[in-house]
C-alpha atoms as a PDB file:
ATOM      1  CA  MET A   1     -27.918  -7.515 -69.871  1.00  0.00           C
ATOM      2  CA  LYS A   2     -26.775  -7.710 -73.479  1.00  0.00           C
ATOM      3  CA  LYS A   3     -28.004 -10.322 -75.930  1.00  0.00           C
ATOM      4  CA  LYS A   4     -24.664 -12.154 -76.154  1.00  0.00           C
ATOM      5  CA  GLN A   5     -24.318 -12.263 -72.360  1.00  0.00           C
ATOM      6  CA  ILE A   6     -27.802 -13.774 -72.006  1.00  0.00           C
ATOM      7  CA  LEU A   7     -26.954 -16.394 -74.629  1.00  0.00           C
ATOM      8  CA  ILE A   8     -23.655 -17.256 -72.900  1.00  0.00           C
ATOM      9  CA  GLU A   9     -25.434 -17.595 -69.548  1.00  0.00           C
ATOM     10  CA  ALA A  10     -28.046 -19.866 -71.152  1.00  0.00           C
ATOM     11  CA  GLN A  11     -25.279 -21.942 -72.737  1.00  0.00           C
ATOM     12  CA  ILE A  12     -23.609 -22.425 -69.361  1.00  0.00           C
ATOM     13  CA  THR A  13     -26.834 -23.239 -67.493  1.00  0.00           C
ATOM     14  CA  GLY A  14     -28.562 -25.138 -70.311  1.00  0.00           C
ATOM     15  CA  LYS A  15     -31.615 -22.896 -70.044  1.00  0.00           C
ATOM     16  CA  LYS A  16     -34.014 -22.215 -72.900  1.00  0.00           C
ATOM     17  CA  VAL A  17     -34.006 -18.814 -74.548  1.00  0.00           C
ATOM     18  CA  LYS A  18     -37.107 -17.465 -76.237  1.00  0.00           C
ATOM     19  CA  VAL A  19     -36.288 -15.690 -79.502  1.00  0.00           C
ATOM     20  CA  VAL A  20     -37.540 -14.462 -82.833  1.00  0.00           C
ATOM     21  CA  TYR A  21     -35.098 -15.067 -85.683  1.00  0.00           C
ATOM     22  CA  LYS A  22     -35.330 -12.622 -88.576  1.00  0.00           C
ATOM     23  CA  SER A  23     -34.128 -15.158 -91.157  1.00  0.00           C
ATOM     24  CA  GLY A  24     -33.984 -18.901 -91.782  1.00  0.00           C
ATOM     25  CA  SER A  25     -36.648 -21.454 -92.639  1.00  0.00           C
ATOM     26  CA  GLN A  26     -39.298 -19.714 -90.511  1.00  0.00           C
ATOM     27  CA  PRO A  27     -38.406 -16.019 -90.400  1.00  0.00           C
ATOM     28  CA  ASN A  28     -40.021 -13.890 -87.692  1.00  0.00           C
ATOM     29  CA  HIS A  29     -41.493 -16.877 -85.872  1.00  0.00           C
ATOM     30  CA  ALA A  30     -41.158 -17.425 -82.146  1.00  0.00           C
ATOM     31  CA  ARG A  31     -38.720 -20.164 -81.207  1.00  0.00           C
ATOM     32  CA  GLU A  32     -37.186 -21.655 -78.109  1.00  0.00           C
ATOM     33  CA  ILE A  33     -33.505 -22.454 -78.368  1.00  0.00           C
ATOM     34  CA  ILE A  34     -30.829 -23.885 -76.108  1.00  0.00           C
ATOM     35  CA  PRO A  35     -27.441 -22.357 -76.979  1.00  0.00           C
ATOM     36  CA  LEU A  36     -24.706 -24.957 -77.434  1.00  0.00           C
ATOM     37  CA  LYS A  37     -21.796 -22.906 -78.815  1.00  0.00           C
ATOM     38  CA  ILE A  38     -21.244 -19.186 -79.353  1.00  0.00           C
ATOM     39  CA  GLU A  39     -18.517 -17.794 -81.614  1.00  0.00           C
ATOM     40  CA  ASN A  40     -17.873 -15.279 -84.413  1.00  0.00           C
ATOM     41  CA  GLY A  41     -21.236 -13.552 -83.954  1.00  0.00           C
ATOM     42  CA  ASN A  42     -23.137 -16.826 -84.283  1.00  0.00           C
ATOM     43  CA  VAL A  43     -24.879 -19.121 -81.854  1.00  0.00           C
ATOM     44  CA  PHE A  44     -25.130 -22.827 -82.594  1.00  0.00           C
ATOM     45  CA  ALA A  45     -28.218 -23.973 -80.729  1.00  0.00           C
ATOM     46  CA  LYS A  46     -30.810 -26.692 -80.413  1.00  0.00           C
ATOM     47  CA  CYS A  47     -34.070 -25.313 -81.821  1.00  0.00           C
ATOM     48  CA  LEU A  48     -36.817 -26.888 -79.743  1.00  0.00           C
ATOM     49  CA  ASN A  49     -39.486 -26.060 -82.347  1.00  0.00           C
ATOM     50  CA  SER A  50     -37.876 -28.204 -85.041  1.00  0.00           C
ATOM     51  CA  ASN A  51     -35.898 -30.436 -82.659  1.00  0.00           C
ATOM     52  CA  THR A  52     -32.729 -29.841 -84.696  1.00  0.00           C
ATOM     53  CA  ASN A  53     -29.434 -28.073 -84.137  1.00  0.00           C
ATOM     54  CA  LYS A  54     -29.198 -24.820 -86.082  1.00  0.00           C
ATOM     55  CA  LEU A  55     -26.826 -21.926 -86.595  1.00  0.00           C
ATOM     56  CA  PHE A  56     -28.242 -18.476 -85.826  1.00  0.00           C
ATOM     57  CA  ARG A  57     -26.590 -15.112 -86.476  1.00  0.00           C
ATOM     58  CA  ILE A  58     -26.786 -13.222 -83.187  1.00  0.00           C
ATOM     59  CA  SER A  59     -27.452  -9.932 -84.980  1.00  0.00           C
ATOM     60  CA  LYS A  60     -30.651 -11.444 -86.469  1.00  0.00           C
ATOM     61  CA  LEU A  61     -31.948 -12.706 -83.111  1.00  0.00           C
ATOM     62  CA  LYS A  62     -34.421 -10.823 -80.966  1.00  0.00           C
ATOM     63  CA  LEU A  63     -34.723 -12.062 -77.395  1.00  0.00           C
ATOM     64  CA  LEU A  64     -38.275 -12.289 -76.063  1.00  0.00           C
ATOM     65  CA  THR A  65     -39.720 -11.967 -72.606  1.00  0.00           C
ATOM     66  CA  ASP A  66     -42.183 -14.656 -71.491  1.00  0.00           C
ATOM     67  CA  GLU A  67     -45.049 -12.241 -72.205  1.00  0.00           C
ATOM     68  CA  GLN A  68     -43.776 -11.430 -75.711  1.00  0.00           C
ATOM     69  CA  TYR A  69     -43.204 -15.114 -76.396  1.00  0.00           C
ATOM     70  CA  THR A  70     -46.765 -15.967 -75.340  1.00  0.00           C
ATOM     71  CA  HIS A  71     -48.057 -13.249 -77.668  1.00  0.00           C
ATOM     72  CA  PHE A  72     -45.988 -14.593 -80.582  1.00  0.00           C
ATOM     73  CA  ALA A  73     -46.963 -18.203 -79.851  1.00  0.00           C
ATOM     74  CA  LYS A  74     -50.642 -17.273 -79.687  1.00  0.00           C
ATOM     75  CA  TRP A  75     -50.644 -15.694 -83.155  1.00  0.00           C
ATOM     76  CA  ASP A  76     -47.930 -17.724 -84.843  1.00  0.00           C
ATOM     77  CA  LEU A  77     -49.681 -20.723 -86.377  1.00  0.00           C
ATOM     78  CA  ASN A  78     -46.355 -22.297 -87.367  1.00  0.00           C
ATOM     79  CA  PHE A  79     -44.961 -21.996 -83.882  1.00  0.00           C
ATOM     80  CA  ILE A  80     -45.549 -25.603 -82.889  1.00  0.00           C
ATOM     81  CA  SER A  81     -44.669 -28.188 -85.467  1.00  0.00           C
ATOM     82  CA  PRO A  82     -47.602 -30.524 -86.045  1.00  0.00           C
ATOM     83  CA  THR A  83     -47.196 -34.175 -85.186  1.00  0.00           C
ATOM     84  CA  ASP A  84     -47.531 -36.859 -87.850  1.00  0.00           C
ATOM     85  CA  TYR A  85     -51.008 -37.653 -86.548  1.00  0.00           C
ATOM     86  CA  GLU A  86     -52.089 -33.994 -86.794  1.00  0.00           C
ATOM     87  CA  ILE A  87     -50.781 -33.846 -90.376  1.00  0.00           C
ATOM     88  CA  TYR A  88     -52.678 -37.074 -91.145  1.00  0.00           C
ATOM     89  CA  GLU A  89     -55.910 -35.606 -89.689  1.00  0.00           C
ATOM     90  CA  ILE A  90     -55.541 -32.383 -91.672  1.00  0.00           C
ATOM     91  CA  LYS A  91     -54.957 -34.261 -94.938  1.00  0.00           C
ATOM     92  CA  ARG A  92     -57.795 -36.675 -94.191  1.00  0.00           C
ATOM     93  CA  ASN A  93     -60.224 -33.810 -93.601  1.00  0.00           C
ATOM     94  CA  GLN A  94     -59.091 -32.096 -96.798  1.00  0.00           C
ATOM     95  CA  LEU A  95     -59.614 -35.342 -98.699  1.00  0.00           C
ATOM     96  CA  LYS A  96     -63.111 -35.754 -97.234  1.00  0.00           C
ATOM     97  CA  LYS A  97     -64.043 -32.290 -98.451  1.00  0.00           C
ATOM     98  CA  THR A  98     -62.839 -33.212-101.947  1.00  0.00           C
ATOM     99  CA  ILE A  99     -64.271 -36.736-102.173  1.00  0.00           C
ATOM    100  CA  PHE A 100     -67.798 -35.962-100.945  1.00  0.00           C
ATOM    101  CA  PRO A 101     -68.715 -33.618-103.841  1.00  0.00           C
ATOM    102  CA  LEU A 102     -67.094 -36.011-106.298  1.00  0.00           C
ATOM    103  CA  SER A 103     -69.120 -38.935-104.954  1.00  0.00           C
ATOM    104  CA  ILE A 104     -72.345 -36.956-105.421  1.00  0.00           C
ATOM    105  CA  ILE A 105     -71.384 -36.172-109.016  1.00  0.00           C
ATOM    106  CA  LEU A 106     -70.577 -39.835-109.611  1.00  0.00           C
ATOM    107  CA  VAL A 107     -73.971 -40.935-108.237  1.00  0.00           C
ATOM    108  CA  ILE A 108     -75.738 -38.417-110.494  1.00  0.00           C
ATOM    109  CA  LEU A 109     -73.784 -39.572-113.558  1.00  0.00           C
ATOM    110  CA  VAL A 110     -74.459 -43.246-112.841  1.00  0.00           C
ATOM    111  CA  SER A 111     -78.152 -42.473-112.315  1.00  0.00           C
ATOM    112  CA  LEU A 112     -78.338 -40.564-115.607  1.00  0.00           C
ATOM    113  CA  PHE A 113     -76.547 -43.395-117.388  1.00  0.00           C
ATOM    114  CA  TYR A 114     -78.931 -45.927-115.867  1.00  0.00           C
ATOM    115  CA  ILE A 115     -81.966 -43.863-116.925  1.00  0.00           C
ATOM    116  CA  GLN A 116     -80.511 -43.509-120.451  1.00  0.00           C
ATOM    117  CA  VAL A 117     -79.863 -47.265-120.750  1.00  0.00           C
ATOM    118  CA  LYS A 118     -83.283 -48.154-119.321  1.00  0.00           C
ATOM    119  CA  THR A 119     -85.168 -45.849-121.711  1.00  0.00           C
ATOM    120  CA  SER A 120     -83.236 -47.073-124.757  1.00  0.00           C
END
């Protein structure tokens, strides 16, 4: 079955289609889309990865089998958008790694200052 026919069938049934898009905000990343409208070589679809409606050029879409999609999803770190909590945890851990060495330096500087003041 041709790409456009599969997209039309998915539009009619409301089924998800697994694709790789060779352009856009995340080129060559696996995505799941639900086609909403197809015309002029484009498909307007709901992108389930970003939870937004997007316009895709059919010629830049590659349809994936479930096995191919699993392979892409396994290696594509940007495949699943992180939740706000996951972003918070990542930033918190990065901050911990930065603050800990700084706190040690601060303790050393305060200790040296204290020793300098005490010996003066």
